[in-house]
C-alpha atoms as a PDB file:
ATOM      1  CA  UNK A   1       0.000   0.000   0.000  1.00  0.00           C
ATOM      2  CA  UNK A   2       1.469   3.321  -1.118  1.00  0.00           C
ATOM      3  CA  UNK A   3       0.823   6.389   1.075  1.00  0.00           C
ATOM      4  CA  UNK A   4       1.193   9.740  -0.661  1.00  0.00           C
ATOM      5  CA  UNK A   5       1.076  13.054   1.143  1.00  0.00           C
ATOM      6  CA  UNK A   6       1.384  16.165  -0.995  1.00  0.00           C
ATOM      7  CA  UNK A   7       2.454  14.008  -3.970  1.00  0.00           C
ATOM      8  CA  UNK A   8       0.439  13.420  -7.121  1.00  0.00           C
ATOM      9  CA  UNK A   9       0.557  11.121 -10.136  1.00  0.00           C
ATOM     10  CA  UNK A  10       0.508  12.750 -13.582  1.00  0.00           C
ATOM     11  CA  UNK A  11       0.706  10.834 -16.863  1.00  0.00           C
ATOM     12  CA  UNK A  12       0.992  12.091 -20.433  1.00  0.00           C
ATOM     13  CA  UNK A  13       1.286  10.938 -24.047  1.00  0.00           C
ATOM     14  CA  UNK A  14      -0.040   7.341 -24.130  1.00  0.00           C
ATOM     15  CA  UNK A  15       1.247   6.366 -20.676  1.00  0.00           C
ATOM     16  CA  UNK A  16      -0.461   3.696 -18.570  1.00  0.00           C
ATOM     17  CA  UNK A  17      -0.898   3.363 -14.819  1.00  0.00           C
ATOM     18  CA  UNK A  18      -2.645   0.967 -12.479  1.00  0.00           C
ATOM     19  CA  UNK A  19      -3.149   2.509  -9.046  1.00  0.00           C
ATOM     20  CA  UNK A  20      -4.308   0.057  -6.414  1.00  0.00           C
ATOM     21  CA  UNK A  21      -4.596   0.177  -2.608  1.00  0.00           C
ATOM     22  CA  UNK A  22      -3.072   3.660  -2.363  1.00  0.00           C
ATOM     23  CA  UNK A  23      -3.823   6.568  -0.035  1.00  0.00           C
ATOM     24  CA  UNK A  24      -3.603  10.154  -1.293  1.00  0.00           C
ATOM     25  CA  UNK A  25      -3.791  12.916   1.323  1.00  0.00           C
ATOM     26  CA  UNK A  26      -3.448  16.718   1.177  1.00  0.00           C
ATOM     27  CA  UNK A  27      -2.811  16.876  -2.562  1.00  0.00           C
ATOM     28  CA  UNK A  28      -2.660  20.426  -3.983  1.00  0.00           C
ATOM     29  CA  UNK A  29      -3.003  19.415  -7.654  1.00  0.00           C
ATOM     30  CA  UNK A  30      -5.083  16.690  -9.295  1.00  0.00           C
ATOM     31  CA  UNK A  31      -4.211  13.557  -7.342  1.00  0.00           C
ATOM     32  CA  UNK A  32      -4.243  11.336 -10.459  1.00  0.00           C
ATOM     33  CA  UNK A  33      -4.207  12.966 -13.916  1.00  0.00           C
ATOM     34  CA  UNK A  34      -4.041  11.342 -17.351  1.00  0.00           C
ATOM     35  CA  UNK A  35      -3.392  13.668 -20.315  1.00  0.00           C
ATOM     36  CA  UNK A  36      -3.447  12.772 -24.054  1.00  0.00           C
ATOM     37  CA  UNK A  37      -4.363   9.142 -24.697  1.00  0.00           C
ATOM     38  CA  UNK A  38      -3.362   7.697 -21.332  1.00  0.00           C
ATOM     39  CA  UNK A  39      -4.981   4.711 -19.688  1.00  0.00           C
ATOM     40  CA  UNK A  40      -5.487   5.254 -15.956  1.00  0.00           C
ATOM     41  CA  UNK A  41      -7.011   2.556 -13.741  1.00  0.00           C
ATOM     42  CA  UNK A  42      -7.573   3.306 -10.047  1.00  0.00           C
ATOM     43  CA  UNK A  43      -8.938   0.705  -7.643  1.00  0.00           C
ATOM     44  CA  UNK A  44      -9.435   0.299  -3.896  1.00  0.00           C
ATOM     45  CA  UNK A  45      -7.768   3.614  -2.958  1.00  0.00           C
ATOM     46  CA  UNK A  46      -8.525   6.526  -0.608  1.00  0.00           C
ATOM     47  CA  UNK A  47      -8.281  10.244  -1.339  1.00  0.00           C
ATOM     48  CA  UNK A  48      -8.591  12.736   1.544  1.00  0.00           C
ATOM     49  CA  UNK A  49      -8.329  16.518   1.961  1.00  0.00           C
ATOM     50  CA  UNK A  50      -7.378  17.547  -1.591  1.00  0.00           C
ATOM     51  CA  UNK A  51      -7.514  21.097  -2.963  1.00  0.00           C
ATOM     52  CA  UNK A  52      -7.876  20.053  -6.616  1.00  0.00           C
ATOM     53  CA  UNK A  53      -9.473  17.185  -8.576  1.00  0.00           C
ATOM     54  CA  UNK A  54      -9.271  13.610  -7.410  1.00  0.00           C
ATOM     55  CA  UNK A  55      -9.011  11.901 -10.793  1.00  0.00           C
ATOM     56  CA  UNK A  56      -8.742  13.779 -14.106  1.00  0.00           C
ATOM     57  CA  UNK A  57      -9.228  12.125 -17.488  1.00  0.00           C
ATOM     58  CA  UNK A  58      -8.103  14.622 -20.130  1.00  0.00           C
ATOM     59  CA  UNK A  59      -8.279  13.101 -23.609  1.00  0.00           C
ATOM     60  CA  UNK A  60      -7.645   9.828 -21.777  1.00  0.00           C
ATOM     61  CA  UNK A  61      -9.511   6.747 -20.559  1.00  0.00           C
ATOM     62  CA  UNK A  62      -9.572   4.156 -17.835  1.00  0.00           C
ATOM     63  CA  UNK A  63     -11.560   2.914 -14.899  1.00  0.00           C
ATOM     64  CA  UNK A  64     -12.081   3.991 -11.291  1.00  0.00           C
ATOM     65  CA  UNK A  65     -13.666   1.569  -8.811  1.00  0.00           C
ATOM     66  CA  UNK A  66     -14.034   0.849  -5.114  1.00  0.00           C
ATOM     67  CA  UNK A  67     -12.437   4.126  -3.999  1.00  0.00           C
ATOM     68  CA  UNK A  68     -13.289   6.599  -1.236  1.00  0.00           C
ATOM     69  CA  UNK A  69     -13.013  10.375  -1.559  1.00  0.00           C
ATOM     70  CA  UNK A  70     -13.548  12.938   1.207  1.00  0.00           C
ATOM     71  CA  UNK A  71     -12.935  16.635   1.885  1.00  0.00           C
ATOM     72  CA  UNK A  72     -12.405  17.974  -1.655  1.00  0.00           C
ATOM     73  CA  UNK A  73     -12.340  21.615  -2.746  1.00  0.00           C
ATOM     74  CA  UNK A  74     -12.652  20.829  -6.478  1.00  0.00           C
ATOM     75  CA  UNK A  75     -14.626  18.203  -8.420  1.00  0.00           C
ATOM     76  CA  UNK A  76     -13.622  14.675  -7.500  1.00  0.00           C
ATOM     77  CA  UNK A  77     -13.985  13.297 -11.048  1.00  0.00           C
ATOM     78  CA  UNK A  78     -13.220  15.389 -14.145  1.00  0.00           C
ATOM     79  CA  UNK A  79     -13.446  14.273 -17.783  1.00  0.00           C
ATOM     80  CA  UNK A  80     -12.455  16.385 -20.795  1.00  0.00           C
ATOM     81  CA  UNK A  81     -12.258  15.841 -24.538  1.00  0.00           C
ATOM     82  CA  UNK A  82     -13.578  13.726 -27.399  1.00  0.00           C
ATOM     83  CA  UNK A  83     -12.958   9.980 -27.092  1.00  0.00           C
ATOM     84  CA  UNK A  84     -12.691  10.364 -23.323  1.00  0.00           C
ATOM     85  CA  UNK A  85     -15.022   7.717 -21.930  1.00  0.00           C
ATOM     86  CA  UNK A  86     -13.853   6.407 -18.558  1.00  0.00           C
ATOM     87  CA  UNK A  87     -15.951   4.012 -16.510  1.00  0.00           C
ATOM     88  CA  UNK A  88     -16.272   5.310 -12.935  1.00  0.00           C
ATOM     89  CA  UNK A  89     -18.187   3.045 -10.562  1.00  0.00           C
ATOM     90  CA  UNK A  90     -18.687   1.698  -7.045  1.00  0.00           C
ATOM     91  CA  UNK A  91     -17.088   4.656  -5.212  1.00  0.00           C
ATOM     92  CA  UNK A  92     -18.081   6.810  -2.235  1.00  0.00           C
ATOM     93  CA  UNK A  93     -17.650  10.608  -2.221  1.00  0.00           C
ATOM     94  CA  UNK A  94     -18.402  12.905   0.716  1.00  0.00           C
ATOM     95  CA  UNK A  95     -17.803  16.495   1.804  1.00  0.00           C
ATOM     96  CA  UNK A  96     -17.171  18.165  -1.557  1.00  0.00           C
ATOM     97  CA  UNK A  97     -16.917  21.958  -1.705  1.00  0.00           C
ATOM     98  CA  UNK A  98     -17.454  21.916  -5.474  1.00  0.00           C
ATOM     99  CA  UNK A  99     -19.177  19.688  -8.020  1.00  0.00           C
ATOM    100  CA  UNK A 100     -18.979  15.979  -7.294  1.00  0.00           C
ATOM    101  CA  UNK A 101     -18.191  15.169 -10.934  1.00  0.00           C
ATOM    102  CA  UNK A 102     -17.797  17.147 -14.156  1.00  0.00           C
ATOM    103  CA  UNK A 103     -17.918  16.063 -17.791  1.00  0.00           C
ATOM    104  CA  UNK A 104     -16.775  18.630 -20.368  1.00  0.00           C
ATOM    105  CA  UNK A 105     -15.736  19.111 -23.989  1.00  0.00           C
ATOM    106  CA  UNK A 106     -17.441  16.153 -25.741  1.00  0.00           C
ATOM    107  CA  UNK A 107     -16.374  13.536 -23.172  1.00  0.00           C
ATOM    108  CA  UNK A 108     -18.712  10.553 -22.670  1.00  0.00           C
ATOM    109  CA  UNK A 109     -18.078   9.115 -19.184  1.00  0.00           C
ATOM    110  CA  UNK A 110     -20.153   6.442 -17.482  1.00  0.00           C
ATOM    111  CA  UNK A 111     -20.846   7.072 -13.785  1.00  0.00           C
ATOM    112  CA  UNK A 112     -22.400   4.048 -12.089  1.00  0.00           C
ATOM    113  CA  UNK A 113     -23.173   2.941  -8.523  1.00  0.00           C
ATOM    114  CA  UNK A 114     -21.577   6.006  -6.935  1.00  0.00           C
ATOM    115  CA  UNK A 115     -22.573   7.519  -3.603  1.00  0.00           C
ATOM    116  CA  UNK A 116     -22.264  11.308  -3.253  1.00  0.00           C
ATOM    117  CA  UNK A 117     -22.923  12.849   0.183  1.00  0.00           C
ATOM    118  CA  UNK A 118     -22.708  16.485   1.293  1.00  0.00           C
ATOM    119  CA  UNK A 119     -21.744  18.966  -1.416  1.00  0.00           C
ATOM    120  CA  UNK A 120     -21.753  22.750  -1.575  1.00  0.00           C
ATOM    121  CA  UNK A 121     -23.014  23.089  -5.193  1.00  0.00           C
ATOM    122  CA  UNK A 122     -24.359  20.730  -7.906  1.00  0.00           C
ATOM    123  CA  UNK A 123     -23.423  17.056  -7.790  1.00  0.00           C
ATOM    124  CA  UNK A 124     -23.014  16.363 -11.535  1.00  0.00           C
ATOM    125  CA  UNK A 125     -22.091  19.151 -13.968  1.00  0.00           C
ATOM    126  CA  UNK A 126     -22.194  18.197 -17.652  1.00  0.00           C
ATOM    127  CA  UNK A 127     -21.322  20.844 -20.257  1.00  0.00           C
ATOM    128  CA  UNK A 128     -19.824  21.744 -23.609  1.00  0.00           C
ATOM    129  CA  UNK A 129     -21.351  18.917 -25.655  1.00  0.00           C
ATOM    130  CA  UNK A 130     -20.385  16.169 -23.209  1.00  0.00           C
ATOM    131  CA  UNK A 131     -22.724  13.173 -22.930  1.00  0.00           C
ATOM    132  CA  UNK A 132     -22.636  11.543 -19.498  1.00  0.00           C
ATOM    133  CA  UNK A 133     -24.429   8.366 -18.443  1.00  0.00           C
ATOM    134  CA  UNK A 134     -25.339   8.494 -14.750  1.00  0.00           C
ATOM    135  CA  UNK A 135     -26.781   5.205 -13.464  1.00  0.00           C
ATOM    136  CA  UNK A 136     -27.733   3.730 -10.105  1.00  0.00           C
ATOM    137  CA  UNK A 137     -26.096   6.512  -8.083  1.00  0.00           C
ATOM    138  CA  UNK A 138     -27.118   7.879  -4.680  1.00  0.00           C
ATOM    139  CA  UNK A 139     -26.967  11.652  -4.255  1.00  0.00           C
ATOM    140  CA  UNK A 140     -27.802  13.330  -0.957  1.00  0.00           C
ATOM    141  CA  UNK A 141     -27.446  16.707   0.709  1.00  0.00           C
ATOM    142  CA  UNK A 142     -26.189  18.968  -2.092  1.00  0.00           C
ATOM    143  CA  UNK A 143     -26.779  22.727  -1.897  1.00  0.00           C
ATOM    144  CA  UNK A 144     -27.475  22.904  -5.646  1.00  0.00           C
ATOM    145  CA  UNK A 145     -29.014  20.407  -8.039  1.00  0.00           C
ATOM    146  CA  UNK A 146     -28.303  16.730  -8.457  1.00  0.00           C
ATOM    147  CA  UNK A 147     -27.793  17.244 -12.219  1.00  0.00           C
ATOM    148  CA  UNK A 148     -26.709  20.397 -14.078  1.00  0.00           C
ATOM    149  CA  UNK A 149     -26.337  20.509 -17.868  1.00  0.00           C
ATOM    150  CA  UNK A 150     -25.463  23.400 -20.160  1.00  0.00           C
ATOM    151  CA  UNK A 151     -23.826  24.410 -23.446  1.00  0.00           C
ATOM    152  CA  UNK A 152     -25.256  21.590 -25.571  1.00  0.00           C
ATOM    153  CA  UNK A 153     -24.519  18.796 -23.085  1.00  0.00           C
ATOM    154  CA  UNK A 154     -26.658  15.725 -22.402  1.00  0.00           C
ATOM    155  CA  UNK A 155     -27.009  13.725 -19.194  1.00  0.00           C
ATOM    156  CA  UNK A 156     -28.719  10.347 -19.454  1.00  0.00           C
ATOM    157  CA  UNK A 157     -29.962   9.602 -15.949  1.00  0.00           C
ATOM    158  CA  UNK A 158     -31.189   6.133 -14.948  1.00  0.00           C
ATOM    159  CA  UNK A 159     -32.358   4.662 -11.629  1.00  0.00           C
ATOM    160  CA  UNK A 160     -30.709   7.124  -9.259  1.00  0.00           C
ATOM    161  CA  UNK A 161     -31.725   7.827  -5.668  1.00  0.00           C
ATOM    162  CA  UNK A 162     -31.846  11.541  -4.825  1.00  0.00           C
ATOM    163  CA  UNK A 163     -32.380  13.086  -1.397  1.00  0.00           C
ATOM    164  CA  UNK A 164     -31.945  16.496   0.237  1.00  0.00           C
ATOM    165  CA  UNK A 165     -30.765  18.441  -2.818  1.00  0.00           C
ATOM    166  CA  UNK A 166     -32.057  22.005  -3.194  1.00  0.00           C
ATOM    167  CA  UNK A 167     -33.482  21.016  -6.596  1.00  0.00           C
ATOM    168  CA  UNK A 168     -33.311  18.076  -8.978  1.00  0.00           C
ATOM    169  CA  UNK A 169     -32.031  19.651 -12.208  1.00  0.00           C
ATOM    170  CA  UNK A 170     -30.569  22.816 -13.638  1.00  0.00           C
ATOM    171  CA  UNK A 171     -30.370  23.120 -17.427  1.00  0.00           C
ATOM    172  CA  UNK A 172     -29.528  26.133 -19.580  1.00  0.00           C
ATOM    173  CA  UNK A 173     -28.120  27.086 -22.980  1.00  0.00           C
ATOM    174  CA  UNK A 174     -29.328  23.937 -24.702  1.00  0.00           C
ATOM    175  CA  UNK A 175     -28.386  21.504 -21.940  1.00  0.00           C
ATOM    176  CA  UNK A 176     -30.639  18.421 -21.695  1.00  0.00           C
ATOM    177  CA  UNK A 177     -31.379  15.668 -19.257  1.00  0.00           C
ATOM    178  CA  UNK A 178     -33.112  12.423 -20.203  1.00  0.00           C
ATOM    179  CA  UNK A 179     -34.571  10.405 -17.337  1.00  0.00           C
ATOM    180  CA  UNK A 180     -34.974   6.666 -17.924  1.00  0.00           C
ATOM    181  CA  UNK A 181     -36.329   4.250 -15.352  1.00  0.00           C
END
């Protein structure tokens, strides 16, 4: 088990990483960041007290599963760019002072079986022509909406459990949300 304090993992240009059973604490940049066609897989790890993103997929792909995230000041999951379609599932996120997850710039992530508790804004923010699938997630106690879409983005929302959010959705400038049961 690797323990990282104030250290982050950044990959670029078709690099690959498998992160397993690691602990990231007090990270001031994205804790794990894949840029330009990287494959990043993160499993069974803990991320605590970070001032930037937890896991960033920027024109990259991979999988995140069975991780715990707490006390974040920026979105925990961030996806950017065409052909960016990570599978993020079976994780727990709590105490986020920003969005829980963002999808931007034509990315197409799948978010499944995630638990988001206690956030200071919207849980999911999907924008700039991204298309996010959000399935079987639990979202509770967010000061904004569970789902926010804008700038031509689409969120496909299926079988989620929502509680104690100020409102369910927020859509503007051609953002759309499709609810399937």
